[in-house]
All heavy atoms as atom14 arrays in JSON, in Angstrom:
{
  "sequence": "VPKFSNPDGIVYSDETVKRFAALKPKADDFRIFWDNAYCVHELYEP",
  "atom14_mask": [
    [1, 1, 1, 1, 1, 1, 1, 0, 0, 0, 0, 0, 0, 0],
    [1, 1, 1, 1, 1, 1, 1, 0, 0, 0, 0, 0, 0, 0],
    [1, 1, 1, 1, 1, 1, 1, 1, 1, 0, 0, 0, 0, 0],
    [1, 1, 1, 1, 1, 1, 1, 1, 1, 1, 1, 0, 0, 0],
    [1, 1, 1, 1, 1, 1, 0, 0, 0, 0, 0, 0, 0, 0],
    [1, 1, 1, 1, 1, 1, 1, 1, 0, 0, 0, 0, 0, 0],
    [1, 1, 1, 1, 1, 1, 1, 0, 0, 0, 0, 0, 0, 0],
    [1, 1, 1, 1, 1, 1, 1, 1, 0, 0, 0, 0, 0, 0],
    [1, 1, 1, 1, 0, 0, 0, 0, 0, 0, 0, 0, 0, 0],
    [1, 1, 1, 1, 1, 1, 1, 1, 0, 0, 0, 0, 0, 0],
    [1, 1, 1, 1, 1, 1, 1, 0, 0, 0, 0, 0, 0, 0],
    [1, 1, 1, 1, 1, 1, 1, 1, 1, 1, 1, 1, 0, 0],
    [1, 1, 1, 1, 1, 1, 0, 0, 0, 0, 0, 0, 0, 0],
    [1, 1, 1, 1, 1, 1, 1, 1, 0, 0, 0, 0, 0, 0],
    [1, 1, 1, 1, 1, 1, 1, 1, 1, 0, 0, 0, 0, 0],
    [1, 1, 1, 1, 1, 1, 1, 0, 0, 0, 0, 0, 0, 0],
    [1, 1, 1, 1, 1, 1, 1, 0, 0, 0, 0, 0, 0, 0],
    [1, 1, 1, 1, 1, 1, 1, 1, 1, 0, 0, 0, 0, 0],
    [1, 1, 1, 1, 1, 1, 1, 1, 1, 1, 1, 0, 0, 0],
    [1, 1, 1, 1, 1, 1, 1, 1, 1, 1, 1, 0, 0, 0],
    [1, 1, 1, 1, 1, 0, 0, 0, 0, 0, 0, 0, 0, 0],
    [1, 1, 1, 1, 1, 0, 0, 0, 0, 0, 0, 0, 0, 0],
    [1, 1, 1, 1, 1, 1, 1, 1, 0, 0, 0, 0, 0, 0],
    [1, 1, 1, 1, 1, 1, 1, 1, 1, 0, 0, 0, 0, 0],
    [1, 1, 1, 1, 1, 1, 1, 0, 0, 0, 0, 0, 0, 0],
    [1, 1, 1, 1, 1, 1, 1, 1, 1, 0, 0, 0, 0, 0],
    [1, 1, 1, 1, 1, 0, 0, 0, 0, 0, 0, 0, 0, 0],
    [1, 1, 1, 1, 1, 1, 1, 1, 0, 0, 0, 0, 0, 0],
    [1, 1, 1, 1, 1, 1, 1, 1, 0, 0, 0, 0, 0, 0],
    [1, 1, 1, 1, 1, 1, 1, 1, 1, 1, 1, 0, 0, 0],
    [1, 1, 1, 1, 1, 1, 1, 1, 1, 1, 1, 0, 0, 0],
    [1, 1, 1, 1, 1, 1, 1, 1, 0, 0, 0, 0, 0, 0],
    [1, 1, 1, 1, 1, 1, 1, 1, 1, 1, 1, 0, 0, 0],
    [1, 1, 1, 1, 1, 1, 1, 1, 1, 1, 1, 1, 1, 1],
    [1, 1, 1, 1, 1, 1, 1, 1, 0, 0, 0, 0, 0, 0],
    [1, 1, 1, 1, 1, 1, 1, 1, 0, 0, 0, 0, 0, 0],
    [1, 1, 1, 1, 1, 0, 0, 0, 0, 0, 0, 0, 0, 0],
    [1, 1, 1, 1, 1, 1, 1, 1, 1, 1, 1, 1, 0, 0],
    [1, 1, 1, 1, 1, 1, 0, 0, 0, 0, 0, 0, 0, 0],
    [1, 1, 1, 1, 1, 1, 1, 0, 0, 0, 0, 0, 0, 0],
    [1, 1, 1, 1, 1, 1, 1, 1, 1, 1, 0, 0, 0, 0],
    [1, 1, 1, 1, 1, 1, 1, 1, 1, 0, 0, 0, 0, 0],
    [1, 1, 1, 1, 1, 1, 1, 1, 0, 0, 0, 0, 0, 0],
    [1, 1, 1, 1, 1, 1, 1, 1, 1, 1, 1, 1, 0, 0],
    [1, 1, 1, 1, 1, 1, 1, 1, 1, 0, 0, 0, 0, 0],
    [1, 1, 1, 1, 1, 1, 1, 0, 0, 0, 0, 0, 0, 0]
  ],
  "atom14_positions": [
    [[11.54, 5.0, 7.88], [12.59, 4.49, 7.1], [13.39, 3.47, 7.86], [14.28, 3.81, 8.67], [13.59, 5.67, 6.61], [14.71, 5.13, 5.68], [12.8, 6.77, 5.95], [0.0, 0.0, 0.0], [0.0, 0.0, 0.0], [0.0, 0.0, 0.0], [0.0, 0.0, 0.0], [0.0, 0.0, 0.0], [0.0, 0.0, 0.0], [0.0, 0.0, 0.0]],
    [[12.96, 2.22, 7.82], [13.29, 1.2, 8.79], [14.82, 0.69, 8.73], [15.29, 0.1, 9.72], [12.37, 0.09, 8.58], [12.08, 0.14, 7.08], [12.08, 1.69, 6.81], [0.0, 0.0, 0.0], [0.0, 0.0, 0.0], [0.0, 0.0, 0.0], [0.0, 0.0, 0.0], [0.0, 0.0, 0.0], [0.0, 0.0, 0.0], [0.0, 0.0, 0.0]],
    [[15.41, 0.88, 7.53], [16.82, 0.39, 7.43], [17.67, 1.52, 6.98], [17.43, 2.16, 6.01], [16.82, -0.79, 6.46], [18.23, -1.49, 6.3], [18.22, -2.76, 5.48], [19.54, -3.42, 5.33], [19.55, -4.61, 4.55], [0.0, 0.0, 0.0], [0.0, 0.0, 0.0], [0.0, 0.0, 0.0], [0.0, 0.0, 0.0], [0.0, 0.0, 0.0]],
    [[18.75, 1.79, 7.74], [19.63, 2.92, 7.53], [18.74, 4.27, 7.45], [18.73, 4.86, 6.42], [20.47, 2.66, 6.32], [21.24, 1.46, 6.34], [21.2, 0.57, 5.23], [21.93, 1.05, 7.43], [21.86, -0.6, 5.22], [22.65, -0.2, 7.43], [22.64, -1.02, 6.36], [0.0, 0.0, 0.0], [0.0, 0.0, 0.0], [0.0, 0.0, 0.0]],
    [[18.02, 4.57, 8.5], [17.1, 5.59, 8.52], [17.68, 6.92, 8.02], [18.85, 7.13, 8.24], [16.51, 5.77, 9.86], [17.52, 6.29, 10.81], [0.0, 0.0, 0.0], [0.0, 0.0, 0.0], [0.0, 0.0, 0.0], [0.0, 0.0, 0.0], [0.0, 0.0, 0.0], [0.0, 0.0, 0.0], [0.0, 0.0, 0.0], [0.0, 0.0, 0.0]],
    [[16.87, 7.7, 7.38], [17.27, 9.03, 6.9], [16.83, 10.03, 7.99], [15.68, 10.17, 8.31], [16.54, 9.32, 5.67], [16.77, 10.71, 5.03], [17.37, 11.57, 5.7], [16.28, 10.93, 3.84], [0.0, 0.0, 0.0], [0.0, 0.0, 0.0], [0.0, 0.0, 0.0], [0.0, 0.0, 0.0], [0.0, 0.0, 0.0], [0.0, 0.0, 0.0]],
    [[17.79, 10.64, 8.76], [19.25, 10.71, 8.43], [20.17, 9.91, 9.3], [21.37, 9.83, 9.02], [19.53, 12.19, 8.52], [18.69, 12.57, 9.74], [17.42, 11.74, 9.56], [0.0, 0.0, 0.0], [0.0, 0.0, 0.0], [0.0, 0.0, 0.0], [0.0, 0.0, 0.0], [0.0, 0.0, 0.0], [0.0, 0.0, 0.0], [0.0, 0.0, 0.0]],
    [[19.68, 9.34, 10.39], [20.6, 8.81, 11.48], [21.24, 7.5, 11.09], [22.2, 7.1, 11.74], [19.82, 8.64, 12.79], [19.7, 9.91, 13.55], [20.49, 10.88, 13.28], [18.8, 10.03, 14.41], [0.0, 0.0, 0.0], [0.0, 0.0, 0.0], [0.0, 0.0, 0.0], [0.0, 0.0, 0.0], [0.0, 0.0, 0.0], [0.0, 0.0, 0.0]],
    [[20.81, 6.78, 10.07], [21.35, 5.55, 9.65], [21.05, 4.35, 10.57], [21.73, 3.38, 10.65], [0.0, 0.0, 0.0], [0.0, 0.0, 0.0], [0.0, 0.0, 0.0], [0.0, 0.0, 0.0], [0.0, 0.0, 0.0], [0.0, 0.0, 0.0], [0.0, 0.0, 0.0], [0.0, 0.0, 0.0], [0.0, 0.0, 0.0], [0.0, 0.0, 0.0]],
    [[19.86, 4.53, 11.37], [19.52, 3.5, 12.35], [18.77, 2.36, 11.64], [17.99, 2.61, 10.71], [18.61, 4.08, 13.53], [19.5, 5.02, 14.29], [17.94, 3.09, 14.29], [18.68, 6.0, 15.2], [0.0, 0.0, 0.0], [0.0, 0.0, 0.0], [0.0, 0.0, 0.0], [0.0, 0.0, 0.0], [0.0, 0.0, 0.0], [0.0, 0.0, 0.0]],
    [[19.0, 1.18, 12.13], [18.28, -0.01, 11.6], [17.31, -0.4, 12.78], [17.75, -0.61, 13.89], [19.19, -1.24, 11.24], [18.41, -2.43, 10.79], [20.18, -0.76, 10.21], [0.0, 0.0, 0.0], [0.0, 0.0, 0.0], [0.0, 0.0, 0.0], [0.0, 0.0, 0.0], [0.0, 0.0, 0.0], [0.0, 0.0, 0.0], [0.0, 0.0, 0.0]],
    [[16.0, -0.51, 12.42], [15.02, -0.86, 13.44], [15.33, -2.35, 13.95], [15.59, -3.29, 13.19], [13.64, -0.91, 12.82], [13.03, 0.45, 12.5], [13.84, 1.66, 12.38], [11.67, 0.57, 12.2], [13.29, 2.81, 12.14], [11.16, 1.79, 11.88], [11.85, 2.89, 11.82], [11.38, 4.14, 11.5], [0.0, 0.0, 0.0], [0.0, 0.0, 0.0]],
    [[15.34, -2.42, 15.26], [15.52, -3.7, 15.87], [14.43, -4.64, 15.67], [13.36, -4.24, 15.25], [15.74, -3.56, 17.34], [14.5, -3.1, 17.98], [0.0, 0.0, 0.0], [0.0, 0.0, 0.0], [0.0, 0.0, 0.0], [0.0, 0.0, 0.0], [0.0, 0.0, 0.0], [0.0, 0.0, 0.0], [0.0, 0.0, 0.0], [0.0, 0.0, 0.0]],
    [[14.66, -5.99, 15.88], [13.52, -6.93, 15.72], [12.44, -6.66, 16.63], [11.26, -6.8, 16.27], [14.12, -8.42, 16.01], [15.08, -8.95, 15.01], [15.28, -8.24, 14.02], [15.57, -10.03, 15.19], [0.0, 0.0, 0.0], [0.0, 0.0, 0.0], [0.0, 0.0, 0.0], [0.0, 0.0, 0.0], [0.0, 0.0, 0.0], [0.0, 0.0, 0.0]],
    [[12.69, -6.24, 17.88], [11.61, -5.92, 18.75], [10.79, -4.73, 18.27], [9.53, -4.77, 18.32], [12.22, -5.51, 20.11], [11.05, -5.24, 21.13], [11.63, -4.73, 22.48], [12.86, -4.56, 22.65], [10.78, -4.39, 23.34], [0.0, 0.0, 0.0], [0.0, 0.0, 0.0], [0.0, 0.0, 0.0], [0.0, 0.0, 0.0], [0.0, 0.0, 0.0]],
    [[11.45, -3.77, 17.64], [10.74, -2.6, 17.19], [9.79, -2.99, 16.01], [8.58, -2.56, 15.97], [11.67, -1.56, 16.67], [12.43, -0.96, 17.77], [11.01, -0.39, 15.91], [0.0, 0.0, 0.0], [0.0, 0.0, 0.0], [0.0, 0.0, 0.0], [0.0, 0.0, 0.0], [0.0, 0.0, 0.0], [0.0, 0.0, 0.0], [0.0, 0.0, 0.0]],
    [[10.27, -3.85, 15.14], [9.46, -4.37, 14.01], [8.25, -5.09, 14.53], [7.11, -4.95, 14.05], [10.29, -5.15, 12.99], [9.34, -5.69, 11.89], [11.37, -4.31, 12.32], [0.0, 0.0, 0.0], [0.0, 0.0, 0.0], [0.0, 0.0, 0.0], [0.0, 0.0, 0.0], [0.0, 0.0, 0.0], [0.0, 0.0, 0.0], [0.0, 0.0, 0.0]],
    [[8.45, -5.98, 15.5], [7.46, -6.81, 16.05], [6.34, -5.86, 16.79], [5.15, -6.18, 16.61], [7.97, -7.75, 17.05], [8.83, -8.91, 16.43], [9.37, -9.78, 17.48], [10.17, -10.95, 16.83], [10.87, -11.78, 17.82], [0.0, 0.0, 0.0], [0.0, 0.0, 0.0], [0.0, 0.0, 0.0], [0.0, 0.0, 0.0], [0.0, 0.0, 0.0]],
    [[6.82, -4.84, 17.39], [5.95, -3.99, 18.03], [5.03, -3.09, 17.01], [3.93, -2.82, 17.26], [6.59, -3.04, 19.01], [7.19, -3.72, 20.24], [7.95, -2.84, 21.19], [7.12, -1.94, 21.94], [7.61, -1.08, 22.9], [8.91, -1.11, 23.16], [6.8, -0.29, 23.54], [0.0, 0.0, 0.0], [0.0, 0.0, 0.0], [0.0, 0.0, 0.0]],
    [[5.68, -2.87, 15.92], [4.91, -2.17, 14.84], [3.77, -3.11, 14.31], [2.68, -2.65, 14.14], [5.84, -1.79, 13.61], [6.31, -0.43, 13.67], [7.66, -0.11, 13.9], [5.39, 0.71, 13.48], [8.14, 1.2, 13.95], [5.86, 1.99, 13.5], [7.28, 2.24, 13.76], [0.0, 0.0, 0.0], [0.0, 0.0, 0.0], [0.0, 0.0, 0.0]],
    [[4.15, -4.33, 14.07], [3.14, -5.35, 13.59], [2.04, -5.56, 14.61], [0.95, -5.96, 14.21], [3.94, -6.68, 13.3], [0.0, 0.0, 0.0], [0.0, 0.0, 0.0], [0.0, 0.0, 0.0], [0.0, 0.0, 0.0], [0.0, 0.0, 0.0], [0.0, 0.0, 0.0], [0.0, 0.0, 0.0], [0.0, 0.0, 0.0], [0.0, 0.0, 0.0]],
    [[2.3, -5.37, 15.9], [1.34, -5.64, 16.92], [0.6, -4.41, 17.35], [-0.17, -4.51, 18.25], [2.13, -6.15, 18.13], [0.0, 0.0, 0.0], [0.0, 0.0, 0.0], [0.0, 0.0, 0.0], [0.0, 0.0, 0.0], [0.0, 0.0, 0.0], [0.0, 0.0, 0.0], [0.0, 0.0, 0.0], [0.0, 0.0, 0.0], [0.0, 0.0, 0.0]],
    [[0.82, -3.22, 16.64], [0.06, -2.02, 17.01], [-1.47, -2.29, 16.92], [-2.02, -3.01, 16.14], [0.39, -0.83, 16.01], [1.76, -0.24, 16.18], [1.97, 0.73, 15.04], [1.92, 0.41, 17.62], [0.0, 0.0, 0.0], [0.0, 0.0, 0.0], [0.0, 0.0, 0.0], [0.0, 0.0, 0.0], [0.0, 0.0, 0.0], [0.0, 0.0, 0.0]],
    [[-2.16, -1.66, 17.88], [-3.64, -1.68, 17.99], [-4.14, -0.23, 17.76], [-4.54, 0.37, 18.71], [-4.01, -2.28, 19.3], [-3.55, -3.62, 19.57], [-4.12, -4.71, 18.61], [-3.58, -6.09, 18.92], [-3.97, -7.04, 17.88], [0.0, 0.0, 0.0], [0.0, 0.0, 0.0], [0.0, 0.0, 0.0], [0.0, 0.0, 0.0], [0.0, 0.0, 0.0]],
    [[-4.16, 0.22, 16.62], [-4.56, 1.72, 16.46], [-6.05, 1.87, 16.67], [-6.81, 0.98, 16.36], [-4.2, 1.9, 14.94], [-4.18, 0.62, 14.3], [-3.73, -0.35, 15.35], [0.0, 0.0, 0.0], [0.0, 0.0, 0.0], [0.0, 0.0, 0.0], [0.0, 0.0, 0.0], [0.0, 0.0, 0.0], [0.0, 0.0, 0.0], [0.0, 0.0, 0.0]],
    [[-6.36, 3.01, 17.13], [-7.75, 3.39, 17.37], [-8.5, 3.56, 16.06], [-9.74, 3.23, 15.88], [-7.89, 4.64, 18.22], [-9.28, 4.9, 18.68], [-9.41, 5.94, 19.78], [-10.8, 6.19, 20.27], [-10.86, 7.09, 21.37], [0.0, 0.0, 0.0], [0.0, 0.0, 0.0], [0.0, 0.0, 0.0], [0.0, 0.0, 0.0], [0.0, 0.0, 0.0]],
    [[-7.74, 4.08, 15.03], [-8.33, 4.27, 13.73], [-8.2, 2.99, 12.89], [-7.09, 2.5, 12.7], [-7.57, 5.45, 13.04], [0.0, 0.0, 0.0], [0.0, 0.0, 0.0], [0.0, 0.0, 0.0], [0.0, 0.0, 0.0], [0.0, 0.0, 0.0], [0.0, 0.0, 0.0], [0.0, 0.0, 0.0], [0.0, 0.0, 0.0], [0.0, 0.0, 0.0]],
    [[-9.25, 2.53, 12.27], [-9.19, 1.29, 11.44], [-8.54, 1.54, 10.07], [-8.18, 0.58, 9.36], [-10.56, 0.55, 11.33], [-11.6, 1.46, 10.57], [-11.22, 2.62, 10.2], [-12.69, 0.96, 10.49], [0.0, 0.0, 0.0], [0.0, 0.0, 0.0], [0.0, 0.0, 0.0], [0.0, 0.0, 0.0], [0.0, 0.0, 0.0], [0.0, 0.0, 0.0]],
    [[-8.31, 2.84, 9.72], [-7.62, 3.24, 8.65], [-6.25, 3.75, 8.79], [-5.69, 4.44, 7.93], [-8.47, 4.17, 7.72], [-8.91, 5.41, 8.57], [-8.65, 5.48, 9.77], [-9.5, 6.3, 7.89], [0.0, 0.0, 0.0], [0.0, 0.0, 0.0], [0.0, 0.0, 0.0], [0.0, 0.0, 0.0], [0.0, 0.0, 0.0], [0.0, 0.0, 0.0]],
    [[-5.72, 3.35, 9.87], [-4.26, 3.72, 10.2], [-3.28, 2.99, 9.3], [-3.62, 1.67, 9.1], [-3.96, 3.48, 11.66], [-2.47, 3.6, 12.0], [-1.9, 4.82, 12.24], [-1.71, 2.49, 12.12], [-0.67, 4.91, 12.66], [-0.37, 2.57, 12.43], [0.23, 3.8, 12.67], [0.0, 0.0, 0.0], [0.0, 0.0, 0.0], [0.0, 0.0, 0.0]],
    [[-2.27, 3.54, 8.85], [-1.39, 2.84, 7.87], [0.12, 3.18, 8.27], [0.41, 4.3, 8.55], [-1.58, 3.13, 6.43], [-2.95, 2.71, 5.92], [-3.04, 1.17, 5.82], [-4.3, 0.69, 5.29], [-5.32, 0.3, 5.98], [-5.35, 0.44, 7.3], [-6.42, -0.18, 5.4], [0.0, 0.0, 0.0], [0.0, 0.0, 0.0], [0.0, 0.0, 0.0]],
    [[0.99, 2.22, 8.21], [2.42, 2.35, 8.4], [3.01, 2.6, 7.04], [2.91, 1.69, 6.14], [3.09, 1.16, 9.07], [2.4, 0.88, 10.46], [4.57, 1.24, 9.19], [2.73, -0.46, 11.07], [0.0, 0.0, 0.0], [0.0, 0.0, 0.0], [0.0, 0.0, 0.0], [0.0, 0.0, 0.0], [0.0, 0.0, 0.0], [0.0, 0.0, 0.0]],
    [[3.65, 3.65, 6.8], [4.31, 3.99, 5.55], [5.8, 3.53, 5.74], [6.66, 4.29, 6.2], [4.16, 5.49, 5.21], [2.76, 5.84, 4.65], [1.69, 5.83, 5.54], [2.58, 6.16, 3.29], [0.41, 6.09, 5.0], [1.32, 6.46, 2.83], [0.26, 6.52, 3.73], [0.0, 0.0, 0.0], [0.0, 0.0, 0.0], [0.0, 0.0, 0.0]],
    [[6.15, 2.41, 5.19], [7.41, 1.7, 5.46], [8.3, 1.96, 4.16], [8.36, 1.21, 3.26], [7.09, 0.19, 5.63], [8.05, -0.65, 6.24], [8.91, -1.57, 5.67], [8.38, -0.75, 7.67], [9.71, -2.23, 6.61], [9.35, -1.74, 7.85], [7.82, -0.05, 8.79], [9.77, -2.11, 9.14], [8.34, -0.47, 9.99], [9.32, -1.4, 10.23]],
    [[9.07, 3.03, 4.19], [9.87, 3.57, 3.17], [11.19, 2.87, 3.27], [12.11, 3.32, 3.81], [9.96, 5.09, 3.22], [10.77, 5.67, 2.05], [11.14, 4.85, 1.15], [10.99, 6.84, 2.04], [0.0, 0.0, 0.0], [0.0, 0.0, 0.0], [0.0, 0.0, 0.0], [0.0, 0.0, 0.0], [0.0, 0.0, 0.0], [0.0, 0.0, 0.0]],
    [[11.28, 1.72, 2.61], [12.55, 0.84, 2.68], [13.53, 1.19, 1.58], [13.98, 0.38, 0.81], [12.11, -0.62, 2.58], [13.11, -1.58, 3.26], [14.23, -1.09, 3.73], [12.82, -2.84, 3.25], [0.0, 0.0, 0.0], [0.0, 0.0, 0.0], [0.0, 0.0, 0.0], [0.0, 0.0, 0.0], [0.0, 0.0, 0.0], [0.0, 0.0, 0.0]],
    [[13.86, 2.55, 1.61], [14.68, 3.11, 0.49], [16.09, 2.5, 0.43], [16.65, 2.51, -0.58], [14.68, 4.59, 0.7], [0.0, 0.0, 0.0], [0.0, 0.0, 0.0], [0.0, 0.0, 0.0], [0.0, 0.0, 0.0], [0.0, 0.0, 0.0], [0.0, 0.0, 0.0], [0.0, 0.0, 0.0], [0.0, 0.0, 0.0], [0.0, 0.0, 0.0]],
    [[16.57, 2.11, 1.57], [18.01, 1.61, 1.6], [18.17, 0.11, 2.01], [19.08, -0.34, 2.68], [18.77, 2.4, 2.6], [18.55, 3.93, 2.4], [17.72, 4.78, 3.19], [19.22, 4.51, 1.33], [17.56, 6.13, 2.91], [19.06, 5.83, 1.02], [18.22, 6.68, 1.85], [18.01, 7.95, 1.48], [0.0, 0.0, 0.0], [0.0, 0.0, 0.0]],
    [[17.24, -0.64, 1.43], [17.16, -2.09, 1.84], [18.4, -2.89, 1.38], [18.65, -3.98, 1.94], [15.89, -2.67, 1.19], [15.74, -2.59, -0.64], [0.0, 0.0, 0.0], [0.0, 0.0, 0.0], [0.0, 0.0, 0.0], [0.0, 0.0, 0.0], [0.0, 0.0, 0.0], [0.0, 0.0, 0.0], [0.0, 0.0, 0.0], [0.0, 0.0, 0.0]],
    [[19.14, -2.41, 0.35], [20.36, -3.17, -0.07], [21.54, -2.32, -0.06], [22.5, -2.49, -0.79], [20.07, -3.86, -1.45], [19.16, -5.02, -1.37], [19.68, -2.78, -2.47], [0.0, 0.0, 0.0], [0.0, 0.0, 0.0], [0.0, 0.0, 0.0], [0.0, 0.0, 0.0], [0.0, 0.0, 0.0], [0.0, 0.0, 0.0], [0.0, 0.0, 0.0]],
    [[21.54, -1.27, 0.8], [22.59, -0.22, 0.79], [23.5, -0.23, 1.88], [23.95, 0.65, 2.48], [21.9, 1.11, 0.69], [21.04, 1.4, -0.54], [19.93, 0.72, -0.74], [21.35, 2.26, -1.57], [19.45, 1.17, -1.92], [20.25, 2.0, -2.46], [0.0, 0.0, 0.0], [0.0, 0.0, 0.0], [0.0, 0.0, 0.0], [0.0, 0.0, 0.0]],
    [[24.1, -1.5, 2.14], [25.11, -1.64, 3.17], [26.42, -1.05, 2.81], [26.82, -1.07, 1.56], [25.36, -3.19, 3.46], [24.26, -3.79, 4.29], [23.09, -4.32, 3.48], [23.05, -4.07, 2.27], [22.16, -5.03, 4.06], [0.0, 0.0, 0.0], [0.0, 0.0, 0.0], [0.0, 0.0, 0.0], [0.0, 0.0, 0.0], [0.0, 0.0, 0.0]],
    [[27.19, -0.49, 3.66], [28.54, 0.02, 3.4], [29.56, -1.1, 3.62], [30.63, -1.09, 3.14], [28.88, 1.16, 4.2], [28.11, 2.46, 3.82], [28.39, 3.65, 4.75], [28.55, 2.96, 2.42], [0.0, 0.0, 0.0], [0.0, 0.0, 0.0], [0.0, 0.0, 0.0], [0.0, 0.0, 0.0], [0.0, 0.0, 0.0], [0.0, 0.0, 0.0]],
    [[29.22, -2.03, 4.65], [30.12, -2.98, 4.99], [29.53, -4.41, 4.88], [29.22, -4.83, 3.77], [30.61, -2.8, 6.48], [31.32, -1.36, 6.6], [30.59, -0.23, 7.0], [32.63, -1.18, 6.34], [31.2, 0.93, 7.12], [33.27, 0.01, 6.46], [32.55, 1.15, 6.8], [33.16, 2.31, 6.94], [0.0, 0.0, 0.0], [0.0, 0.0, 0.0]],
    [[29.32, -5.09, 5.98], [28.74, -6.46, 5.91], [27.2, -6.34, 5.82], [26.59, -5.3, 6.12], [29.09, -7.21, 7.22], [28.44, -6.71, 8.47], [29.13, -5.44, 9.04], [30.21, -5.16, 8.6], [28.54, -4.83, 9.96], [0.0, 0.0, 0.0], [0.0, 0.0, 0.0], [0.0, 0.0, 0.0], [0.0, 0.0, 0.0], [0.0, 0.0, 0.0]],
    [[26.54, -7.39, 5.36], [25.06, -7.44, 5.31], [24.37, -7.19, 6.64], [24.86, -7.58, 7.69], [24.69, -8.88, 4.84], [25.95, -9.33, 4.2], [27.12, -8.7, 4.89], [0.0, 0.0, 0.0], [0.0, 0.0, 0.0], [0.0, 0.0, 0.0], [0.0, 0.0, 0.0], [0.0, 0.0, 0.0], [0.0, 0.0, 0.0], [0.0, 0.0, 0.0]]
  ]
}
């Protein structure tokens, strides 16, 4: 849950997202389940 994670409310840093994109999984059928449930759910500023 990359933005306002459930439950800690953490937003993945740019470096974290880049490292996800650069993963080299041993399994060719590995998948990232990117549950962006709170993509527009800011409480304050964007």
